[in-house]
Amino acid sequence: MLIEFSVGNYKSFKTTVKFSMVAANLSSKNKELDQNNIFSYKKSISLLKSAAIYGANASGKSNFIKALDLMRNFVINSSKETQATEEINVENYRLSTETEGKPSFFEIIFSSNGVRYRYGFEIDKNQIHSEWLYRAKEREINLFLRNENKISTKDVFREGKGLESKTRNNALFLSVCAQFNGEISTEILKWFRNIGIISGVNDSTYRPFTVNKLDDSYFKDRILSFIREFDFGISDLNVKHSSLTEDSLLKGIPNFLANLLVEQGSNRMSIQTTHKKYDQNNDHIKDEIFDLDKNESDGTQKAFSFSGPLLDVLQNGKILVVDELDARFHPIITQSIVQMFHDEFTNPSNAQLIFTTHDTNLLDNKFFRRDQIWFTEKNRFGATDLYSLVDFKIRNDASFEKDYISGKYGGIPFIGGLKRLEIEENA
């Protein structure tokens, strides 16, 4: 489970900002939110099941998701040989001389198998400047510290002994330890792999995951139930494979080239949806087969692709991070997805959802506690600030949506004199 994430000197984040999934000590007007939207972590500490991030276009919402994605991917991949001669794919804050030549900062606090870890690093395009790992069972203790190329490991982190000299200056020590099957480091990499980070606009990257899940009859039934819930009129889903030799694209192509294409890309795949066909008496007479990409709406296509990662996260208690969750979805669908994380029946393992959105329908005190609502806003120097609705002293029965639209919380675009724009007529 995710507890906190901090980032600084990265893209639009000049100073370090902290995002927290720790539930604040507050009582909601709707008492059910205090019961359903949080779960107990340790003693008097509870964590949030979901959090929404609002903000104007270009305010830094997507950069926050990219920061978390960079940390995840770098932890998983930095020790691979393919990364040996490559630059680190990081971009610091470029609009101030104060950040020039300084590394970007990333730190995450999380819990895995009941143990809390605090892990972070500072990097630029060429090297890791510092790296640290702490573990807390009862009290926090250091496992290793890295300063430039000097790495010091503690006795409780025996798996790192002897690997200091095997760690490149552009590879994370944690990743190297995991590559050598270190127990703690492998567990941490497994935790990072359980973070799903996806785009709500482009579903092509995670659709294959959903397609593969159709081979599992149990999971296919769950996907169908999810699709049917939103009244798309689909009664069944199937995958159709067709040989490339059957494709009309090969017509007119020289034989030697056509044969090469067939050998190297032997199969094409399409998703078929089944709809019921009725007669004049509204009796079901047969089924019609549609092609998902050709015949279904963009929203239906996204719902199908999104169903796999969503249901997998809920089933296994993972973390799902979505940039623009509401894109191509009706507000009621977006609300229903969020509510799945708040329902102990659909979320028995306390999976967590973090998403960016412009959907103000969710800004309602019957959906969210104040600590679940976050905002990004750029100052006049182009730097992003990240803050929570908890930072504002407001009444328990305040209208979050109305106050947000009016600019009370910030995080909205400042529209200038659009009425003054003149449209020139063609001469």
Protein backbone atom coordinates (compact mmCIF):
# COMPACT_ATOMS: atom_id res chain seq x y z
CA MET A 1 0.00 0.00 0.00
CA LEU A 2 1.16 3.50 -0.80
CA ILE A 3 1.62 5.89 2.11
CA GLU A 4 3.47 8.92 0.69
CA PHE A 5 5.25 10.03 -2.47
CA SER A 6 7.49 13.09 -2.82
CA VAL A 7 9.12 14.65 -5.88
CA GLY A 8 11.19 17.76 -6.46
CA ASN A 9 13.18 19.45 -9.24
CA TYR A 10 11.38 17.37 -11.86
CA LYS A 11 9.56 18.81 -14.88
CA SER A 12 7.20 21.47 -13.46
CA PHE A 13 7.99 20.66 -9.80
CA LYS A 14 10.68 23.08 -8.63
CA THR A 15 10.54 22.54 -4.87
CA THR A 16 9.75 19.19 -3.30
CA VAL A 17 6.03 18.44 -2.93
CA LYS A 18 4.53 15.61 -0.89
CA PHE A 19 1.45 13.56 -1.75
CA SER A 20 -0.03 11.53 1.10
CA MET A 21 -2.52 8.69 1.33
CA VAL A 22 -2.61 8.98 5.12
CA ALA A 23 -6.13 9.74 6.29
CA ALA A 24 -6.41 13.04 8.14
CA ASN A 25 -7.97 13.24 11.58
CA LEU A 26 -11.34 14.57 10.48
CA SER A 27 -15.01 13.65 10.46
CA SER A 28 -17.07 13.89 7.30
CA LYS A 29 -20.61 15.14 7.08
CA ASN A 30 -21.45 11.77 5.55
CA LYS A 31 -20.27 9.33 8.23
CA GLU A 32 -20.27 6.44 5.75
CA LEU A 33 -17.23 7.99 4.05
CA ASP A 34 -15.23 7.69 7.27
CA GLN A 35 -16.10 4.01 7.34
CA ASN A 36 -15.85 3.06 3.66
CA ASN A 37 -13.21 5.34 2.10
CA ILE A 38 -10.38 4.56 4.52
CA PHE A 39 -8.87 1.44 6.05
CA SER A 40 -6.84 0.83 9.17
CA TYR A 41 -3.08 0.60 8.72
CA LYS A 42 -1.46 0.62 12.15
CA LYS A 43 -2.80 1.61 15.54
CA SER A 44 -4.30 5.08 15.07
CA ILE A 45 -3.17 5.42 11.43
CA SER A 46 -5.56 4.88 8.53
CA LEU A 47 -4.96 5.11 4.79
CA LEU A 48 -7.14 6.32 1.95
CA LYS A 49 -8.55 3.95 -0.64
CA SER A 50 -8.62 6.63 -3.32
CA ALA A 51 -7.47 10.15 -4.12
CA ALA A 52 -8.40 12.53 -6.94
CA ILE A 53 -6.10 15.23 -8.29
CA TYR A 54 -7.67 18.33 -9.90
CA GLY A 55 -6.04 21.23 -11.66
CA ALA A 56 -6.05 23.37 -14.77
CA ASN A 57 -4.59 22.11 -18.02
CA ALA A 58 -0.77 22.26 -17.93
CA SER A 59 -0.80 22.72 -14.15
CA GLY A 60 1.29 19.61 -13.46
CA LYS A 61 -1.24 16.82 -12.91
CA SER A 62 0.25 14.58 -15.59
CA ASN A 63 3.78 15.47 -14.45
CA PHE A 64 2.92 14.05 -11.04
CA ILE A 65 1.87 10.76 -12.68
CA LYS A 66 5.03 10.82 -14.82
CA ALA A 67 7.18 11.28 -11.73
CA LEU A 68 5.70 8.20 -10.07
CA ASP A 69 6.01 6.29 -13.35
CA LEU A 70 9.66 7.28 -13.74
CA MET A 71 10.47 6.08 -10.23
CA ARG A 72 8.67 2.79 -10.80
CA ASN A 73 10.34 2.07 -14.14
CA PHE A 74 13.79 3.15 -12.98
CA VAL A 75 13.65 0.87 -9.95
CA ILE A 76 12.60 -2.09 -12.11
CA ASN A 77 14.93 -1.51 -15.07
CA SER A 78 18.01 0.48 -14.05
CA SER A 79 20.26 -2.53 -13.40
CA LYS A 80 19.62 -4.12 -16.79
CA GLU A 81 22.53 -4.26 -19.19
CA THR A 82 20.56 -2.37 -21.84
CA GLN A 83 20.72 0.68 -19.58
CA ALA A 84 24.51 0.57 -19.19
CA THR A 85 25.35 3.28 -21.73
CA GLU A 86 22.06 5.15 -21.77
CA GLU A 87 21.25 8.46 -20.17
CA ILE A 88 18.76 8.43 -17.33
CA ASN A 89 15.41 9.60 -18.66
CA VAL A 90 14.84 12.44 -16.21
CA GLU A 91 14.13 16.12 -16.78
CA ASN A 92 14.72 18.67 -14.06
CA TYR A 93 12.88 21.94 -13.54
CA ARG A 94 14.15 24.22 -16.32
CA LEU A 95 12.61 27.61 -15.50
CA SER A 96 14.97 28.66 -12.72
CA THR A 97 18.73 29.05 -12.35
CA GLU A 98 18.36 27.68 -8.80
CA THR A 99 17.74 24.15 -10.09
CA GLU A 100 20.41 24.10 -12.82
CA GLY A 101 22.98 21.37 -12.28
CA LYS A 102 21.05 19.92 -9.35
CA PRO A 103 19.55 16.42 -9.27
CA SER A 104 15.86 15.51 -9.23
CA PHE A 105 14.48 14.12 -5.97
CA PHE A 106 12.18 11.08 -5.59
CA GLU A 107 11.08 9.41 -2.35
CA ILE A 108 8.31 6.96 -1.58
CA ILE A 109 6.96 5.51 1.68
CA PHE A 110 5.02 2.29 1.41
CA SER A 111 4.07 -0.88 3.25
CA SER A 112 4.76 -4.39 2.01
CA ASN A 113 3.79 -7.50 3.98
CA GLY A 114 3.16 -5.39 7.05
CA VAL A 115 6.58 -3.68 6.97
CA ARG A 116 6.99 0.02 6.22
CA TYR A 117 9.78 1.15 3.92
CA ARG A 118 11.09 4.59 2.99
CA TYR A 119 13.10 4.56 -0.21
CA GLY A 120 14.41 7.35 -2.41
CA PHE A 121 17.11 8.67 -4.68
CA GLU A 122 18.45 11.82 -6.34
CA ILE A 123 19.39 11.57 -10.03
CA ASP A 124 20.29 13.55 -13.10
CA LYS A 125 20.70 12.37 -16.69
CA ASN A 126 24.16 10.92 -16.05
CA GLN A 127 24.20 9.36 -12.59
CA ILE A 128 22.66 8.60 -9.22
CA HIS A 129 23.81 11.22 -6.72
CA SER A 130 22.29 9.64 -3.64
CA GLU A 131 20.10 6.69 -2.68
CA TRP A 132 18.68 5.48 0.62
CA LEU A 133 16.51 2.74 2.09
CA TYR A 134 14.94 2.64 5.55
CA ARG A 135 12.75 -0.01 7.14
CA ALA A 136 10.37 0.37 10.06
CA LYS A 137 8.82 -2.48 12.00
CA GLU A 138 8.67 -0.75 15.35
CA ARG A 139 11.20 2.02 14.74
CA GLU A 140 12.85 3.17 11.53
CA ILE A 141 16.35 1.85 10.81
CA ASN A 142 18.66 2.47 7.87
CA LEU A 143 19.45 -0.44 5.52
CA PHE A 144 21.84 1.35 3.16
CA LEU A 145 23.02 4.83 2.20
CA ARG A 146 24.62 5.97 -1.03
CA ASN A 147 26.44 9.22 -1.67
CA GLU A 148 27.68 9.47 -5.26
CA ASN A 149 29.68 6.24 -5.77
CA LYS A 150 30.16 5.50 -2.07
CA ILE A 151 27.65 2.95 -0.77
CA SER A 152 27.48 1.88 2.87
CA THR A 153 25.34 -1.11 3.84
CA LYS A 154 24.20 -2.04 7.32
CA ASP A 155 24.42 -5.52 8.82
CA VAL A 156 20.65 -5.92 8.57
CA PHE A 157 21.03 -5.60 4.77
CA ARG A 158 23.50 -8.44 4.22
CA GLU A 159 22.21 -9.02 0.69
CA GLY A 160 23.97 -5.83 -0.39
CA LYS A 161 27.40 -6.78 0.91
CA GLY A 162 29.90 -7.15 -1.93
CA LEU A 163 27.61 -5.62 -4.53
CA GLU A 164 28.72 -2.04 -3.99
CA SER A 165 31.51 -2.33 -6.57
CA LYS A 166 29.18 -4.04 -9.05
CA THR A 167 26.82 -1.06 -9.14
CA ARG A 168 27.18 1.37 -12.05
CA ASN A 169 26.87 5.07 -11.42
CA ASN A 170 23.64 5.11 -13.48
CA ALA A 171 22.12 2.01 -11.82
CA LEU A 172 20.23 1.89 -8.55
CA PHE A 173 21.84 -0.17 -5.80
CA LEU A 174 18.43 -1.52 -4.83
CA SER A 175 17.91 -2.83 -8.37
CA VAL A 176 21.33 -4.48 -8.44
CA CYS A 177 20.62 -6.25 -5.14
CA ALA A 178 17.34 -7.53 -6.54
CA GLN A 179 19.13 -8.78 -9.66
CA PHE A 180 21.22 -10.95 -7.32
CA ASN A 181 18.03 -12.23 -5.66
CA GLY A 182 18.30 -10.24 -2.45
CA GLU A 183 15.31 -11.00 -0.25
CA ILE A 184 14.37 -7.46 0.80
CA SER A 185 15.22 -5.81 -2.51
CA THR A 186 13.28 -8.44 -4.49
CA GLU A 187 10.26 -7.88 -2.27
CA ILE A 188 10.48 -4.12 -2.88
CA LEU A 189 10.75 -4.56 -6.66
CA LYS A 190 7.72 -6.82 -6.52
CA TRP A 191 5.85 -4.04 -4.73
CA PHE A 192 6.79 -1.54 -7.44
CA ARG A 193 5.60 -3.98 -10.13
CA ASN A 194 2.20 -4.02 -8.42
CA ILE A 195 1.71 -0.33 -9.23
CA GLY A 196 -0.32 -0.01 -12.41
CA ILE A 197 0.14 3.37 -14.11
CA ILE A 198 -2.05 3.93 -17.16
CA SER A 199 -3.47 6.66 -19.36
CA GLY A 200 -7.17 7.36 -19.49
CA VAL A 201 -6.73 8.78 -22.99
CA ASN A 202 -4.64 6.08 -24.72
CA ASP A 203 -5.76 2.55 -23.88
CA SER A 204 -3.61 0.75 -26.46
CA THR A 205 -0.78 0.10 -23.98
CA TYR A 206 -2.89 -1.93 -21.54
CA ARG A 207 -5.52 -3.48 -23.84
CA PRO A 208 -3.32 -6.59 -24.44
CA PHE A 209 -3.47 -7.27 -20.69
CA THR A 210 -7.27 -7.33 -20.84
CA VAL A 211 -7.30 -9.46 -24.01
CA ASN A 212 -5.08 -12.07 -22.34
CA LYS A 213 -7.48 -12.17 -19.39
CA LEU A 214 -10.27 -13.34 -21.72
CA ASP A 215 -8.60 -16.76 -21.78
CA ASP A 216 -9.48 -17.11 -18.09
CA SER A 217 -13.20 -18.00 -17.95
CA TYR A 218 -13.59 -16.63 -14.42
CA PHE A 219 -11.94 -13.33 -15.30
CA LYS A 220 -13.83 -13.11 -18.59
CA ASP A 221 -17.11 -13.37 -16.67
CA ARG A 222 -16.00 -10.51 -14.44
CA ILE A 223 -15.06 -8.38 -17.46
CA LEU A 224 -18.45 -9.08 -19.03
CA SER A 225 -20.23 -8.17 -15.79
CA PHE A 226 -18.29 -4.90 -15.68
CA ILE A 227 -19.16 -4.09 -19.31
CA ARG A 228 -22.83 -5.02 -18.90
CA GLU A 229 -23.11 -2.86 -15.80
CA PHE A 230 -22.74 0.25 -17.93
CA ASP A 231 -25.47 -0.62 -20.41
CA PHE A 232 -23.38 -0.87 -23.58
CA GLY A 233 -25.70 -3.58 -24.92
CA ILE A 234 -22.91 -6.17 -25.12
CA SER A 235 -23.80 -9.74 -24.22
CA ASP A 236 -20.49 -11.47 -25.02
CA LEU A 237 -16.84 -10.84 -25.92
CA ASN A 238 -14.47 -12.95 -28.00
CA VAL A 239 -11.04 -12.69 -29.59
CA LYS A 240 -10.74 -13.46 -33.29
CA HIS A 241 -7.38 -14.37 -34.79
CA SER A 242 -6.95 -14.17 -38.53
CA SER A 243 -3.94 -15.05 -40.63
CA LEU A 244 -2.15 -12.16 -42.24
CA THR A 245 -2.46 -14.03 -45.54
CA GLU A 246 -6.20 -13.37 -45.41
CA ASP A 247 -5.68 -9.64 -45.08
CA SER A 248 -6.50 -7.49 -48.09
CA LEU A 249 -3.47 -5.35 -47.21
CA LEU A 250 -1.31 -7.97 -48.92
CA LYS A 251 -3.01 -7.49 -52.27
CA GLY A 252 -0.72 -5.91 -54.81
CA ILE A 253 2.40 -6.48 -52.69
CA PRO A 254 5.22 -8.46 -54.41
CA ASN A 255 5.21 -12.13 -53.42
CA PHE A 256 8.64 -12.10 -51.75
CA LEU A 257 7.59 -9.18 -49.52
CA ALA A 258 4.17 -10.68 -48.77
CA ASN A 259 5.81 -13.96 -47.71
CA LEU A 260 8.22 -12.08 -45.45
CA LEU A 261 5.35 -10.23 -43.77
CA VAL A 262 3.47 -13.48 -43.24
CA GLU A 263 6.52 -15.13 -41.66
CA GLN A 264 7.31 -12.24 -39.29
CA GLY A 265 3.80 -11.22 -38.28
CA SER A 266 1.69 -14.27 -38.69
CA ASN A 267 -1.48 -13.26 -36.82
CA ARG A 268 -3.90 -10.33 -36.69
CA MET A 269 -6.29 -10.04 -33.78
CA SER A 270 -9.65 -8.35 -33.31
CA ILE A 271 -12.08 -8.14 -30.40
CA GLN A 272 -15.63 -9.15 -31.26
CA THR A 273 -18.63 -7.97 -29.29
CA THR A 274 -22.00 -9.72 -29.37
CA HIS A 275 -25.28 -7.80 -29.45
CA LYS A 276 -28.77 -9.26 -29.40
CA LYS A 277 -31.01 -8.68 -32.43
CA TYR A 278 -34.80 -8.37 -32.02
CA ASP A 279 -37.80 -8.64 -34.30
CA GLN A 280 -40.82 -6.33 -34.53
CA ASN A 281 -42.25 -7.93 -31.38
CA ASN A 282 -39.03 -7.26 -29.47
CA ASP A 283 -38.28 -10.98 -29.33
CA HIS A 284 -34.61 -11.98 -29.45
CA ILE A 285 -34.11 -13.79 -32.75
CA LYS A 286 -30.33 -13.97 -33.16
CA ASP A 287 -27.01 -12.34 -32.31
CA GLU A 288 -25.05 -9.77 -34.27
CA ILE A 289 -21.26 -9.71 -34.12
CA PHE A 290 -19.55 -6.30 -34.03
CA ASP A 291 -15.88 -5.36 -34.19
CA LEU A 292 -14.84 -3.46 -31.07
CA ASP A 293 -12.64 -0.95 -32.90
CA LYS A 294 -14.84 -0.49 -35.96
CA ASN A 295 -18.36 -0.59 -34.50
CA GLU A 296 -18.18 0.41 -30.84
CA SER A 297 -17.85 3.89 -29.33
CA ASP A 298 -14.62 5.26 -27.90
CA GLY A 299 -16.11 4.99 -24.43
CA THR A 300 -16.96 1.32 -24.93
CA GLN A 301 -13.46 0.61 -26.23
CA LYS A 302 -11.92 2.29 -23.20
CA ALA A 303 -14.25 0.47 -20.79
CA PHE A 304 -13.17 -2.87 -22.26
CA SER A 305 -9.45 -2.08 -22.14
CA PHE A 306 -9.72 -0.55 -18.67
CA SER A 307 -11.64 -3.50 -17.20
CA GLY A 308 -8.61 -5.81 -17.09
CA PRO A 309 -6.25 -3.61 -15.05
CA LEU A 310 -9.11 -2.41 -12.85
CA LEU A 311 -10.40 -5.86 -11.91
CA ASP A 312 -6.88 -7.23 -11.43
CA VAL A 313 -6.00 -4.39 -9.03
CA LEU A 314 -9.21 -4.85 -7.04
CA GLN A 315 -8.80 -8.60 -6.84
CA ASN A 316 -5.18 -8.52 -5.69
CA GLY A 317 -5.07 -5.38 -3.55
CA LYS A 318 -2.69 -3.48 -5.85
CA ILE A 319 -2.37 0.23 -6.67
CA LEU A 320 -3.86 1.79 -9.80
CA VAL A 321 -2.76 5.24 -10.98
CA VAL A 322 -4.73 6.74 -13.88
CA ASP A 323 -4.08 9.97 -15.74
CA GLU A 324 -7.44 11.45 -16.81
CA LEU A 325 -9.69 8.70 -15.54
CA ASP A 326 -12.81 10.49 -16.73
CA ALA A 327 -11.74 10.85 -20.39
CA ARG A 328 -14.37 9.29 -22.72
CA PHE A 329 -16.47 8.19 -19.73
CA HIS A 330 -19.89 9.44 -18.68
CA PRO A 331 -19.69 10.98 -15.17
CA ILE A 332 -21.84 8.17 -13.75
CA ILE A 333 -19.35 5.57 -15.02
CA THR A 334 -16.45 7.45 -13.44
CA GLN A 335 -18.37 7.66 -10.15
CA SER A 336 -19.13 3.94 -10.27
CA ILE A 337 -15.47 3.05 -10.80
CA VAL A 338 -14.41 5.18 -7.84
CA GLN A 339 -17.14 3.65 -5.69
CA MET A 340 -15.80 0.17 -6.48
CA PHE A 341 -12.71 1.08 -4.45
CA HIS A 342 -14.83 2.31 -1.55
CA ASP A 343 -16.97 -0.84 -1.39
CA GLU A 344 -15.53 -3.63 0.72
CA PHE A 345 -17.38 -6.18 -1.43
CA THR A 346 -15.65 -5.12 -4.66
CA ASN A 347 -12.43 -4.09 -2.88
CA PRO A 348 -11.86 -6.67 -0.13
CA SER A 349 -8.05 -6.30 -0.14
CA ASN A 350 -7.91 -2.49 0.14
CA ALA A 351 -6.61 -1.70 -3.33
CA GLN A 352 -5.85 1.99 -3.87
CA LEU A 353 -6.85 4.29 -6.74
CA ILE A 354 -5.07 7.57 -7.54
CA PHE A 355 -6.23 9.55 -10.54
CA THR A 356 -6.24 12.94 -12.22
CA THR A 357 -9.51 14.35 -13.47
CA HIS A 358 -11.50 17.38 -14.57
CA ASP A 359 -14.82 15.80 -13.56
CA THR A 360 -16.23 18.18 -10.95
CA ASN A 361 -19.26 15.92 -10.42
CA LEU A 362 -17.01 13.94 -8.08
CA LEU A 363 -16.41 17.04 -5.95
CA ASP A 364 -19.24 16.15 -3.64
CA ASN A 365 -19.06 15.43 0.06
CA LYS A 366 -21.12 12.29 -0.52
CA PHE A 367 -18.28 10.77 -2.59
CA PHE A 368 -15.04 12.03 -1.06
CA ARG A 369 -13.58 13.10 2.24
CA ARG A 370 -11.61 16.33 2.09
CA ASP A 371 -8.26 14.50 2.41
CA GLN A 372 -9.03 12.55 -0.78
CA ILE A 373 -9.13 15.72 -2.92
CA TRP A 374 -5.89 17.23 -4.20
CA PHE A 375 -5.04 20.16 -6.45
CA THR A 376 -2.14 21.18 -8.68
CA GLU A 377 -1.54 24.83 -9.47
CA LYS A 378 1.31 26.68 -11.17
CA ASN A 379 2.58 29.96 -9.85
CA ARG A 380 3.52 32.85 -12.11
CA PHE A 381 7.05 31.45 -12.43
CA GLY A 382 5.80 28.16 -13.89
CA ALA A 383 6.36 25.97 -10.81
CA THR A 384 3.72 23.46 -9.70
CA ASP A 385 2.40 23.29 -6.16
CA LEU A 386 0.49 20.24 -4.90
CA TYR A 387 -1.90 20.55 -1.97
CA SER A 388 -4.97 18.95 -0.42
CA LEU A 389 -8.42 20.26 0.41
CA VAL A 390 -7.54 19.51 4.03
CA ASP A 391 -5.28 22.56 3.89
CA PHE A 392 -8.38 24.78 3.73
CA LYS A 393 -10.54 25.68 6.71
CA ILE A 394 -14.01 24.99 5.36
CA ARG A 395 -17.32 23.90 6.78
CA ASN A 396 -18.18 20.21 6.82
CA ASP A 397 -21.22 20.81 4.65
CA ALA A 398 -19.44 23.04 2.11
CA SER A 399 -20.14 22.54 -1.58
CA PHE A 400 -16.77 21.36 -2.85
CA GLU A 401 -17.74 21.63 -6.52
CA LYS A 402 -19.23 25.13 -6.30
CA ASP A 403 -16.30 26.46 -4.29
CA TYR A 404 -13.77 24.88 -6.66
CA ILE A 405 -15.40 26.34 -9.80
CA SER A 406 -15.50 29.76 -8.14
CA GLY A 407 -11.74 29.56 -7.58
CA LYS A 408 -11.81 29.27 -3.80
CA TYR A 409 -9.33 26.40 -3.76
CA GLY A 410 -7.23 27.42 -6.77
CA GLY A 411 -6.33 24.79 -9.33
CA ILE A 412 -8.44 26.32 -12.12
CA PRO A 413 -7.43 28.09 -15.33
CA PHE A 414 -7.46 31.86 -15.45
CA ILE A 415 -9.24 32.70 -18.68
CA GLY A 416 -8.47 36.15 -20.06
CA GLY A 417 -10.46 38.28 -22.45
CA LEU A 418 -11.73 35.69 -24.90
CA LYS A 419 -14.56 38.09 -25.75
CA ARG A 420 -11.99 40.54 -27.01
CA LEU A 421 -10.73 38.13 -29.65
CA GLU A 422 -11.65 39.31 -33.11
CA ILE A 423 -12.32 37.01 -36.02
CA GLU A 424 -10.96 38.43 -39.23
CA GLU A 425 -13.16 37.92 -42.24
CA ASN A 426 -11.62 36.75 -45.47
CA ALA A 427 -11.20 39.60 -47.93
